[in-house]
Amino acid sequence: MDGQDSLLEQYLKAAKELAGLSAKMEKTSDAARKLGKLASTGRNLAVEGAEELSVVRKLLPELREGNLGGLLTALHDALHPLQQAAEAAAQKEVLHMLEELHRRLAAAGLTLDGRFPELSCGIFTLLFESTTKGLVASLYYGPRIARLEQVAGAEVDKVEKAILEARRSLEDGLLPPGRFLPALLDAWRMAHFRRGRNPEGPVPILAVLAELCFAAQEERFLRNPSKGTFRAYGQVSFSYQLFLSEERAADGMSLGLGIATREDVRDGDSLWVPRTARGEGVHYATLTFRRSE
């Protein structure tokens, strides 16, 4: 029998004895509580509490001899190394899973970087967390900007599928490149119009997004505005399209973005936009167009 088997046997023996002791304590506690109620109402304990008195008299000596402290010490001494061995085995399984995930993503043109439990995969962040139900993998856009998916069990197939589907969904949700800047310029003008102002100077970037989302709708939504005909175009899509867009001018106007303050970021009044394909980016609070010189 090796050391771990011996520790496991010690742990199981102590746990079994503790379970027996716990059952006796529960019976004794119940009996003592009933006796207390009888005594508080002036009842005759010898007559109406005979059964409970018998339980207490029988179990109290056994509990005194139960060596609760020794059992708890034995459990602690055995549990710690068993837990360490289990964590080491789990870590080994995770590393094997990450190696396989890295190989599969590389075949799809993606690179997995960083160290467990938080890794980057291009524009995405992959965070592993231990829960009472096991390991869970959360997939985020950017540095935990928006959670896109959560995978229970963190199995290779499921995590790979979540990443590839997130990339596909992100790309499929964009406006056609040639349409984006003109639509963005119109959205900026409309955001000014709704504020009763001439289209000049910066406006909150999320106000522009609200107008751009309407511009992203297809003809079927305009004919029949409903949940079934609505096309989602939110902060993640807008952020990613700003990152991808090589054009920065439309109708003789040049796009400009205003960097957000800490307060803007804290209050949710900013939009994070990547600067590199590795997920480095900046928070912006305002958007404007200026006449090109």
C-alpha atoms as a PDB file:
ATOM      1  CA  MET A   1       0.000   0.000   0.000  1.00  0.00           C
ATOM      2  CA  ASP A   2       1.538   3.350  -1.034  1.00  0.00           C
ATOM      3  CA  GLY A   3       1.467   6.546   1.025  1.00  0.00           C
ATOM      4  CA  GLN A   4      -1.616   8.008  -0.634  1.00  0.00           C
ATOM      5  CA  ASP A   5      -3.633   4.821  -0.129  1.00  0.00           C
ATOM      6  CA  SER A   6      -2.629   4.816   3.527  1.00  0.00           C
ATOM      7  CA  LEU A   7      -3.708   8.443   3.911  1.00  0.00           C
ATOM      8  CA  LEU A   8      -7.014   7.681   2.213  1.00  0.00           C
ATOM      9  CA  GLU A   9      -7.634   4.743   4.566  1.00  0.00           C
ATOM     10  CA  GLN A  10      -6.827   6.988   7.544  1.00  0.00           C
ATOM     11  CA  TYR A  11      -9.177   9.671   6.237  1.00  0.00           C
ATOM     12  CA  LEU A  12     -12.069   7.284   5.583  1.00  0.00           C
ATOM     13  CA  LYS A  13     -11.705   5.680   9.017  1.00  0.00           C
ATOM     14  CA  ALA A  14     -11.715   9.051  10.785  1.00  0.00           C
ATOM     15  CA  ALA A  15     -14.658  10.268   8.663  1.00  0.00           C
ATOM     16  CA  LYS A  16     -16.657   7.139   9.535  1.00  0.00           C
ATOM     17  CA  GLU A  17     -15.979   7.544  13.262  1.00  0.00           C
ATOM     18  CA  LEU A  18     -16.859  11.236  13.076  1.00  0.00           C
ATOM     19  CA  ALA A  19     -20.156  10.420  11.325  1.00  0.00           C
ATOM     20  CA  GLY A  20     -21.028   8.008  14.145  1.00  0.00           C
ATOM     21  CA  LEU A  21     -20.109  10.574  16.756  1.00  0.00           C
ATOM     22  CA  SER A  22     -22.147  13.221  14.941  1.00  0.00           C
ATOM     23  CA  ALA A  23     -25.228  10.990  14.937  1.00  0.00           C
ATOM     24  CA  LYS A  24     -24.887  10.451  18.695  1.00  0.00           C
ATOM     25  CA  MET A  25     -24.466  14.200  19.240  1.00  0.00           C
ATOM     26  CA  GLU A  26     -27.612  14.895  17.238  1.00  0.00           C
ATOM     27  CA  LYS A  27     -29.646  12.373  19.246  1.00  0.00           C
ATOM     28  CA  THR A  28     -28.300  13.773  22.508  1.00  0.00           C
ATOM     29  CA  SER A  29     -29.031  17.336  21.412  1.00  0.00           C
ATOM     30  CA  ASP A  30     -32.608  16.485  20.419  1.00  0.00           C
ATOM     31  CA  ALA A  31     -33.239  14.721  23.710  1.00  0.00           C
ATOM     32  CA  ALA A  32     -31.722  17.565  25.737  1.00  0.00           C
ATOM     33  CA  ARG A  33     -33.832  20.113  23.875  1.00  0.00           C
ATOM     34  CA  LYS A  34     -37.046  18.177  24.594  1.00  0.00           C
ATOM     35  CA  LEU A  35     -36.111  17.846  28.249  1.00  0.00           C
ATOM     36  CA  GLY A  36     -35.517  21.592  28.394  1.00  0.00           C
ATOM     37  CA  LYS A  37     -38.991  22.299  27.044  1.00  0.00           C
ATOM     38  CA  LEU A  38     -40.570  19.931  29.565  1.00  0.00           C
ATOM     39  CA  ALA A  39     -38.650  21.496  32.446  1.00  0.00           C
ATOM     40  CA  SER A  40     -39.594  25.042  31.373  1.00  0.00           C
ATOM     41  CA  THR A  41     -43.288  24.172  31.619  1.00  0.00           C
ATOM     42  CA  GLY A  42     -42.981  22.459  35.009  1.00  0.00           C
ATOM     43  CA  ARG A  43     -43.586  18.953  33.677  1.00  0.00           C
ATOM     44  CA  ASN A  44     -42.295  15.859  35.459  1.00  0.00           C
ATOM     45  CA  LEU A  45     -39.127  14.819  33.628  1.00  0.00           C
ATOM     46  CA  ALA A  46     -39.009  11.393  35.253  1.00  0.00           C
ATOM     47  CA  VAL A  47     -42.463  10.569  33.888  1.00  0.00           C
ATOM     48  CA  GLU A  48     -42.884  12.503  30.642  1.00  0.00           C
ATOM     49  CA  GLY A  49     -39.208  12.630  29.679  1.00  0.00           C
ATOM     50  CA  ALA A  50     -38.189   9.111  30.607  1.00  0.00           C
ATOM     51  CA  GLU A  51     -37.177   8.179  27.063  1.00  0.00           C
ATOM     52  CA  GLU A  52     -35.120  11.330  26.576  1.00  0.00           C
ATOM     53  CA  LEU A  53     -33.415  10.890  29.960  1.00  0.00           C
ATOM     54  CA  SER A  54     -32.457   7.361  28.968  1.00  0.00           C
ATOM     55  CA  VAL A  55     -30.930   8.619  25.684  1.00  0.00           C
ATOM     56  CA  VAL A  56     -28.900  11.319  27.443  1.00  0.00           C
ATOM     57  CA  ARG A  57     -27.645   8.978  30.168  1.00  0.00           C
ATOM     58  CA  LYS A  58     -26.564   6.406  27.588  1.00  0.00           C
ATOM     59  CA  LEU A  59     -24.926   8.690  25.035  1.00  0.00           C
ATOM     60  CA  LEU A  60     -23.185  11.288  27.198  1.00  0.00           C
ATOM     61  CA  PRO A  61     -20.469   8.871  28.425  1.00  0.00           C
ATOM     62  CA  GLU A  62     -19.921   7.657  24.844  1.00  0.00           C
ATOM     63  CA  LEU A  63     -19.551  11.229  23.639  1.00  0.00           C
ATOM     64  CA  ARG A  64     -17.002  12.001  26.360  1.00  0.00           C
ATOM     65  CA  GLU A  65     -14.948   9.049  25.161  1.00  0.00           C
ATOM     66  CA  GLY A  66     -15.438   9.952  21.501  1.00  0.00           C
ATOM     67  CA  ASN A  67     -12.229  12.002  21.204  1.00  0.00           C
ATOM     68  CA  LEU A  68     -13.694  14.614  18.867  1.00  0.00           C
ATOM     69  CA  GLY A  69     -10.482  16.610  18.863  1.00  0.00           C
ATOM     70  CA  GLY A  70      -8.426  13.606  17.843  1.00  0.00           C
ATOM     71  CA  LEU A  71     -10.799  12.733  15.001  1.00  0.00           C
ATOM     72  CA  LEU A  72     -10.681  16.297  13.637  1.00  0.00           C
ATOM     73  CA  THR A  73      -6.885  16.282  13.789  1.00  0.00           C
ATOM     74  CA  ALA A  74      -6.755  12.961  11.946  1.00  0.00           C
ATOM     75  CA  LEU A  75      -9.091  14.289   9.255  1.00  0.00           C
ATOM     76  CA  HIS A  76      -7.012  17.433   8.834  1.00  0.00           C
ATOM     77  CA  ASP A  77      -3.714  15.575   8.667  1.00  0.00           C
ATOM     78  CA  ALA A  78      -5.013  13.193   6.011  1.00  0.00           C
ATOM     79  CA  LEU A  79      -7.075  15.690   4.011  1.00  0.00           C
ATOM     80  CA  HIS A  80      -4.311  18.216   3.323  1.00  0.00           C
ATOM     81  CA  PRO A  81      -1.974  15.920   1.356  1.00  0.00           C
ATOM     82  CA  LEU A  82      -4.934  14.258  -0.374  1.00  0.00           C
ATOM     83  CA  GLN A  83      -6.134  17.673  -1.496  1.00  0.00           C
ATOM     84  CA  GLN A  84      -2.653  18.594  -2.724  1.00  0.00           C
ATOM     85  CA  ALA A  85      -2.453  15.382  -4.752  1.00  0.00           C
ATOM     86  CA  ALA A  86      -5.904  16.017  -6.241  1.00  0.00           C
ATOM     87  CA  GLU A  87      -4.984  19.590  -7.188  1.00  0.00           C
ATOM     88  CA  ALA A  88      -1.755  18.394  -8.806  1.00  0.00           C
ATOM     89  CA  ALA A  89      -3.697  15.829 -10.848  1.00  0.00           C
ATOM     90  CA  ALA A  90      -6.237  18.478 -11.862  1.00  0.00           C
ATOM     91  CA  GLN A  91      -3.449  20.859 -12.876  1.00  0.00           C
ATOM     92  CA  LYS A  92      -1.928  18.138 -15.033  1.00  0.00           C
ATOM     93  CA  GLU A  93      -5.282  17.537 -16.738  1.00  0.00           C
ATOM     94  CA  VAL A  94      -5.708  21.278 -17.369  1.00  0.00           C
ATOM     95  CA  LEU A  95      -2.243  21.582 -18.917  1.00  0.00           C
ATOM     96  CA  HIS A  96      -2.980  18.642 -21.189  1.00  0.00           C
ATOM     97  CA  MET A  97      -6.275  20.264 -22.181  1.00  0.00           C
ATOM     98  CA  LEU A  98      -4.576  23.590 -22.930  1.00  0.00           C
ATOM     99  CA  GLU A  99      -1.912  21.903 -25.065  1.00  0.00           C
ATOM    100  CA  GLU A 100      -4.622  20.253 -27.148  1.00  0.00           C
ATOM    101  CA  LEU A 101      -6.610  23.505 -27.347  1.00  0.00           C
ATOM    102  CA  HIS A 102      -3.491  25.381 -28.461  1.00  0.00           C
ATOM    103  CA  ARG A 103      -2.888  22.846 -31.236  1.00  0.00           C
ATOM    104  CA  ARG A 104      -6.463  23.043 -32.500  1.00  0.00           C
ATOM    105  CA  LEU A 105      -6.651  26.836 -32.425  1.00  0.00           C
ATOM    106  CA  ALA A 106      -3.320  27.121 -34.245  1.00  0.00           C
ATOM    107  CA  ALA A 107      -4.830  25.046 -37.049  1.00  0.00           C
ATOM    108  CA  ALA A 108      -7.641  27.634 -37.207  1.00  0.00           C
ATOM    109  CA  GLY A 109      -5.180  30.548 -37.363  1.00  0.00           C
ATOM    110  CA  LEU A 110      -5.522  31.550 -33.707  1.00  0.00           C
ATOM    111  CA  THR A 111      -2.846  31.757 -31.016  1.00  0.00           C
ATOM    112  CA  LEU A 112      -3.362  30.969 -27.348  1.00  0.00           C
ATOM    113  CA  ASP A 113      -1.107  33.080 -25.102  1.00  0.00           C
ATOM    114  CA  GLY A 114      -0.702  33.728 -21.389  1.00  0.00           C
ATOM    115  CA  ARG A 115      -0.792  31.531 -18.327  1.00  0.00           C
ATOM    116  CA  PHE A 116      -3.567  29.589 -16.684  1.00  0.00           C
ATOM    117  CA  PRO A 117      -6.106  30.608 -15.438  1.00  0.00           C
ATOM    118  CA  GLU A 118      -6.305  33.649 -17.797  1.00  0.00           C
ATOM    119  CA  LEU A 119      -5.211  33.420 -21.403  1.00  0.00           C
ATOM    120  CA  SER A 120      -5.649  35.526 -24.511  1.00  0.00           C
ATOM    121  CA  CYS A 121      -6.712  34.277 -27.903  1.00  0.00           C
ATOM    122  CA  GLY A 122      -6.370  37.157 -30.307  1.00  0.00           C
ATOM    123  CA  ILE A 123      -9.116  39.627 -29.527  1.00  0.00           C
ATOM    124  CA  PHE A 124     -10.631  37.291 -26.923  1.00  0.00           C
ATOM    125  CA  THR A 125      -9.807  36.502 -23.290  1.00  0.00           C
ATOM    126  CA  LEU A 126     -10.297  33.019 -21.874  1.00  0.00           C
ATOM    127  CA  LEU A 127     -10.719  32.810 -18.094  1.00  0.00           C
ATOM    128  CA  PHE A 128     -10.871  29.522 -16.198  1.00  0.00           C
ATOM    129  CA  GLU A 129     -12.489  29.454 -12.756  1.00  0.00           C
ATOM    130  CA  SER A 130     -13.010  26.649 -10.249  1.00  0.00           C
ATOM    131  CA  THR A 131     -16.557  26.363  -8.957  1.00  0.00           C
ATOM    132  CA  THR A 132     -18.438  23.896  -6.789  1.00  0.00           C
ATOM    133  CA  LYS A 133     -19.580  22.269 -10.039  1.00  0.00           C
ATOM    134  CA  GLY A 134     -16.080  21.994 -11.477  1.00  0.00           C
ATOM    135  CA  LEU A 135     -13.980  24.019 -13.896  1.00  0.00           C
ATOM    136  CA  VAL A 136     -15.764  26.713 -15.921  1.00  0.00           C
ATOM    137  CA  ALA A 137     -14.318  28.602 -18.897  1.00  0.00           C
ATOM    138  CA  SER A 138     -15.596  32.105 -19.659  1.00  0.00           C
ATOM    139  CA  LEU A 139     -14.925  33.675 -23.053  1.00  0.00           C
ATOM    140  CA  TYR A 140     -14.698  37.464 -23.150  1.00  0.00           C
ATOM    141  CA  TYR A 141     -14.358  40.065 -25.860  1.00  0.00           C
ATOM    142  CA  GLY A 142     -11.210  42.041 -25.167  1.00  0.00           C
ATOM    143  CA  PRO A 143      -9.763  42.200 -21.638  1.00  0.00           C
ATOM    144  CA  ARG A 144     -13.001  41.052 -19.977  1.00  0.00           C
ATOM    145  CA  ILE A 145     -14.983  43.811 -21.696  1.00  0.00           C
ATOM    146  CA  ALA A 146     -18.027  41.644 -22.445  1.00  0.00           C
ATOM    147  CA  ARG A 147     -18.618  37.981 -21.675  1.00  0.00           C
ATOM    148  CA  LEU A 148     -19.638  36.166 -24.821  1.00  0.00           C
ATOM    149  CA  GLU A 149     -19.920  32.585 -23.642  1.00  0.00           C
ATOM    150  CA  GLN A 150     -19.483  30.347 -20.605  1.00  0.00           C
ATOM    151  CA  VAL A 151     -18.511  26.703 -20.918  1.00  0.00           C
ATOM    152  CA  ALA A 152     -19.109  24.330 -18.011  1.00  0.00           C
ATOM    153  CA  GLY A 153     -16.612  21.519 -17.678  1.00  0.00           C
ATOM    154  CA  ALA A 154     -14.025  23.338 -19.786  1.00  0.00           C
ATOM    155  CA  GLU A 155     -13.747  20.450 -22.233  1.00  0.00           C
ATOM    156  CA  VAL A 156     -11.505  20.971 -25.253  1.00  0.00           C
ATOM    157  CA  ASP A 157     -14.271  20.426 -27.813  1.00  0.00           C
ATOM    158  CA  LYS A 158     -16.647  22.846 -26.092  1.00  0.00           C
ATOM    159  CA  VAL A 159     -14.046  25.579 -25.532  1.00  0.00           C
ATOM    160  CA  GLU A 160     -12.771  25.326 -29.102  1.00  0.00           C
ATOM    161  CA  LYS A 161     -16.329  25.507 -30.430  1.00  0.00           C
ATOM    162  CA  ALA A 162     -17.120  28.562 -28.272  1.00  0.00           C
ATOM    163  CA  ILE A 163     -14.070  30.463 -29.545  1.00  0.00           C
ATOM    164  CA  LEU A 164     -14.608  29.634 -33.212  1.00  0.00           C
ATOM    165  CA  GLU A 165     -18.318  30.416 -33.052  1.00  0.00           C
ATOM    166  CA  ALA A 166     -17.604  33.716 -31.270  1.00  0.00           C
ATOM    167  CA  ARG A 167     -15.169  34.703 -34.012  1.00  0.00           C
ATOM    168  CA  ARG A 168     -17.651  33.719 -36.713  1.00  0.00           C
ATOM    169  CA  SER A 169     -20.513  35.559 -35.004  1.00  0.00           C
ATOM    170  CA  LEU A 170     -18.364  38.660 -34.548  1.00  0.00           C
ATOM    171  CA  GLU A 171     -17.444  38.774 -38.229  1.00  0.00           C
ATOM    172  CA  ASP A 172     -20.954  37.942 -39.458  1.00  0.00           C
ATOM    173  CA  GLY A 173     -22.487  40.746 -37.373  1.00  0.00           C
ATOM    174  CA  LEU A 174     -20.576  43.576 -39.082  1.00  0.00           C
ATOM    175  CA  LEU A 175     -21.816  46.089 -41.605  1.00  0.00           C
ATOM    176  CA  PRO A 176     -20.348  45.811 -45.119  1.00  0.00           C
ATOM    177  CA  PRO A 177     -16.981  47.676 -45.070  1.00  0.00           C
ATOM    178  CA  GLY A 178     -18.016  50.144 -47.770  1.00  0.00           C
ATOM    179  CA  ARG A 179     -21.195  50.993 -45.903  1.00  0.00           C
ATOM    180  CA  PHE A 180     -19.752  51.454 -42.429  1.00  0.00           C
ATOM    181  CA  LEU A 181     -18.168  54.938 -42.585  1.00  0.00           C
ATOM    182  CA  PRO A 182     -21.066  56.594 -44.470  1.00  0.00           C
ATOM    183  CA  ALA A 183     -23.529  55.017 -42.008  1.00  0.00           C
ATOM    184  CA  LEU A 184     -21.374  56.148 -39.091  1.00  0.00           C
ATOM    185  CA  LEU A 185     -21.289  59.710 -40.425  1.00  0.00           C
ATOM    186  CA  ASP A 186     -25.088  59.705 -40.760  1.00  0.00           C
ATOM    187  CA  ALA A 187     -25.399  58.310 -37.213  1.00  0.00           C
ATOM    188  CA  TRP A 188     -23.172  61.088 -35.855  1.00  0.00           C
ATOM    189  CA  ARG A 189     -25.304  63.709 -37.618  1.00  0.00           C
ATOM    190  CA  MET A 190     -28.502  62.128 -36.302  1.00  0.00           C
ATOM    191  CA  ALA A 191     -27.126  62.054 -32.733  1.00  0.00           C
ATOM    192  CA  HIS A 192     -26.557  65.836 -33.016  1.00  0.00           C
ATOM    193  CA  PHE A 193     -30.015  66.315 -34.532  1.00  0.00           C
ATOM    194  CA  ARG A 194     -31.709  64.551 -31.615  1.00  0.00           C
ATOM    195  CA  ARG A 195     -29.955  67.002 -29.293  1.00  0.00           C
ATOM    196  CA  GLY A 196     -31.265  69.934 -31.313  1.00  0.00           C
ATOM    197  CA  ARG A 197     -27.830  70.925 -32.521  1.00  0.00           C
ATOM    198  CA  ASN A 198     -26.078  71.395 -35.797  1.00  0.00           C
ATOM    199  CA  PRO A 199     -23.782  68.458 -36.650  1.00  0.00           C
ATOM    200  CA  GLU A 200     -20.524  69.842 -35.338  1.00  0.00           C
ATOM    201  CA  GLY A 201     -18.180  68.613 -32.639  1.00  0.00           C
ATOM    202  CA  PRO A 202     -18.108  65.464 -30.500  1.00  0.00           C
ATOM    203  CA  VAL A 203     -21.096  63.559 -29.134  1.00  0.00           C
ATOM    204  CA  PRO A 204     -21.182  60.585 -26.736  1.00  0.00           C
ATOM    205  CA  ILE A 205     -19.978  57.554 -28.650  1.00  0.00           C
ATOM    206  CA  LEU A 206     -22.767  55.355 -27.293  1.00  0.00           C
ATOM    207  CA  ALA A 207     -25.353  57.859 -28.598  1.00  0.00           C
ATOM    208  CA  VAL A 208     -23.827  57.382 -32.043  1.00  0.00           C
ATOM    209  CA  LEU A 209     -24.018  53.622 -31.586  1.00  0.00           C
ATOM    210  CA  ALA A 210     -27.764  53.860 -30.899  1.00  0.00           C
ATOM    211  CA  GLU A 211     -28.263  55.626 -34.234  1.00  0.00           C
ATOM    212  CA  LEU A 212     -25.901  53.269 -36.044  1.00  0.00           C
ATOM    213  CA  CYS A 213     -27.829  50.268 -34.755  1.00  0.00           C
ATOM    214  CA  PHE A 214     -30.948  51.591 -36.458  1.00  0.00           C
ATOM    215  CA  ALA A 215     -28.985  52.164 -39.669  1.00  0.00           C
ATOM    216  CA  ALA A 216     -27.824  48.532 -39.516  1.00  0.00           C
ATOM    217  CA  GLN A 217     -31.382  47.221 -39.787  1.00  0.00           C
ATOM    218  CA  GLU A 218     -32.483  45.499 -42.960  1.00  0.00           C
ATOM    219  CA  GLU A 219     -35.501  46.394 -45.070  1.00  0.00           C
ATOM    220  CA  ARG A 220     -37.668  43.735 -43.411  1.00  0.00           C
ATOM    221  CA  PHE A 221     -37.236  45.448 -40.025  1.00  0.00           C
ATOM    222  CA  LEU A 222     -38.178  48.838 -41.485  1.00  0.00           C
ATOM    223  CA  ARG A 223     -41.336  47.301 -42.946  1.00  0.00           C
ATOM    224  CA  ASN A 224     -42.164  45.370 -39.781  1.00  0.00           C
ATOM    225  CA  PRO A 225     -40.236  46.459 -36.669  1.00  0.00           C
ATOM    226  CA  SER A 226     -40.291  43.473 -34.338  1.00  0.00           C
ATOM    227  CA  LYS A 227     -38.020  41.232 -32.325  1.00  0.00           C
ATOM    228  CA  GLY A 228     -38.005  38.662 -35.120  1.00  0.00           C
ATOM    229  CA  THR A 229     -36.788  41.121 -37.753  1.00  0.00           C
ATOM    230  CA  PHE A 230     -34.345  43.038 -35.539  1.00  0.00           C
ATOM    231  CA  ARG A 231     -30.640  42.701 -36.291  1.00  0.00           C
ATOM    232  CA  ALA A 232     -28.420  43.040 -33.232  1.00  0.00           C
ATOM    233  CA  TYR A 233     -25.579  45.528 -33.542  1.00  0.00           C
ATOM    234  CA  GLY A 234     -24.195  46.309 -30.099  1.00  0.00           C
ATOM    235  CA  GLN A 235     -21.046  47.569 -28.438  1.00  0.00           C
ATOM    236  CA  VAL A 236     -18.971  44.509 -29.337  1.00  0.00           C
ATOM    237  CA  SER A 237     -19.851  44.743 -33.044  1.00  0.00           C
ATOM    238  CA  PHE A 238     -19.266  48.510 -33.106  1.00  0.00           C
ATOM    239  CA  SER A 239     -15.951  48.190 -31.279  1.00  0.00           C
ATOM    240  CA  TYR A 240     -14.687  45.456 -33.564  1.00  0.00           C
ATOM    241  CA  GLN A 241     -15.790  47.292 -36.723  1.00  0.00           C
ATOM    242  CA  LEU A 242     -13.980  50.469 -35.648  1.00  0.00           C
ATOM    243  CA  PHE A 243     -10.877  48.347 -35.146  1.00  0.00           C
ATOM    244  CA  LEU A 244     -11.140  46.686 -38.556  1.00  0.00           C
ATOM    245  CA  SER A 245     -12.087  49.775 -40.541  1.00  0.00           C
ATOM    246  CA  GLU A 246      -9.159  51.015 -42.610  1.00  0.00           C
ATOM    247  CA  GLU A 247     -11.160  53.997 -43.863  1.00  0.00           C
ATOM    248  CA  ARG A 248     -11.321  57.025 -41.597  1.00  0.00           C
ATOM    249  CA  ALA A 249     -13.110  59.499 -43.853  1.00  0.00           C
ATOM    250  CA  ALA A 250     -16.467  59.817 -45.621  1.00  0.00           C
ATOM    251  CA  ASP A 251     -18.034  62.664 -47.613  1.00  0.00           C
ATOM    252  CA  GLY A 252     -14.996  64.842 -47.002  1.00  0.00           C
ATOM    253  CA  MET A 253     -15.215  64.344 -43.223  1.00  0.00           C
ATOM    254  CA  SER A 254     -12.569  62.638 -41.044  1.00  0.00           C
ATOM    255  CA  LEU A 255     -13.422  60.452 -38.070  1.00  0.00           C
ATOM    256  CA  GLY A 256     -12.112  61.337 -34.610  1.00  0.00           C
ATOM    257  CA  LEU A 257     -12.435  59.531 -31.276  1.00  0.00           C
ATOM    258  CA  GLY A 258     -12.148  61.131 -27.834  1.00  0.00           C
ATOM    259  CA  ILE A 259     -10.373  59.161 -25.099  1.00  0.00           C
ATOM    260  CA  ALA A 260     -12.504  58.367 -22.053  1.00  0.00           C
ATOM    261  CA  THR A 261     -11.761  59.442 -18.501  1.00  0.00           C
ATOM    262  CA  ARG A 262     -11.698  57.008 -15.599  1.00  0.00           C
ATOM    263  CA  GLU A 263     -15.134  58.301 -14.613  1.00  0.00           C
ATOM    264  CA  ASP A 264     -16.472  57.585 -18.107  1.00  0.00           C
ATOM    265  CA  VAL A 265     -15.205  54.003 -17.912  1.00  0.00           C
ATOM    266  CA  ARG A 266     -16.502  53.537 -14.365  1.00  0.00           C
ATOM    267  CA  ASP A 267     -19.963  54.836 -15.271  1.00  0.00           C
ATOM    268  CA  GLY A 268     -20.222  52.718 -18.437  1.00  0.00           C
ATOM    269  CA  ASP A 269     -20.147  55.775 -20.726  1.00  0.00           C
ATOM    270  CA  SER A 270     -17.312  54.583 -22.931  1.00  0.00           C
ATOM    271  CA  LEU A 271     -16.555  52.087 -25.656  1.00  0.00           C
ATOM    272  CA  TRP A 272     -13.431  49.926 -25.626  1.00  0.00           C
ATOM    273  CA  VAL A 273     -11.830  49.650 -29.063  1.00  0.00           C
ATOM    274  CA  PRO A 274      -8.884  47.348 -29.871  1.00  0.00           C
ATOM    275  CA  ARG A 275      -5.653  48.822 -31.156  1.00  0.00           C
ATOM    276  CA  THR A 276      -4.004  45.510 -32.010  1.00  0.00           C
ATOM    277  CA  ALA A 277      -5.122  42.008 -32.898  1.00  0.00           C
ATOM    278  CA  ARG A 278      -3.644  40.850 -29.575  1.00  0.00           C
ATOM    279  CA  GLY A 279      -6.386  42.595 -27.614  1.00  0.00           C
ATOM    280  CA  GLU A 280      -4.647  45.826 -26.595  1.00  0.00           C
ATOM    281  CA  GLY A 281      -7.069  48.732 -26.758  1.00  0.00           C
ATOM    282  CA  VAL A 282      -8.355  52.109 -25.577  1.00  0.00           C
ATOM    283  CA  HIS A 283     -11.623  53.338 -24.050  1.00  0.00           C
ATOM    284  CA  TYR A 284     -13.282  56.162 -25.980  1.00  0.00           C
ATOM    285  CA  ALA A 285     -16.099  58.402 -24.761  1.00  0.00           C
ATOM    286  CA  THR A 286     -16.899  60.631 -27.728  1.00  0.00           C
ATOM    287  CA  LEU A 287     -16.982  60.502 -31.509  1.00  0.00           C
ATOM    288  CA  THR A 288     -16.810  63.309 -34.042  1.00  0.00           C
ATOM    289  CA  PHE A 289     -16.286  64.078 -37.711  1.00  0.00           C
ATOM    290  CA  ARG A 290     -14.259  67.041 -38.921  1.00  0.00           C
ATOM    291  CA  ARG A 291     -14.018  68.534 -42.380  1.00  0.00           C
ATOM    292  CA  SER A 292     -10.933  67.113 -44.061  1.00  0.00           C
ATOM    293  CA  GLU A 293      -8.319  69.675 -45.034  1.00  0.00           C
END
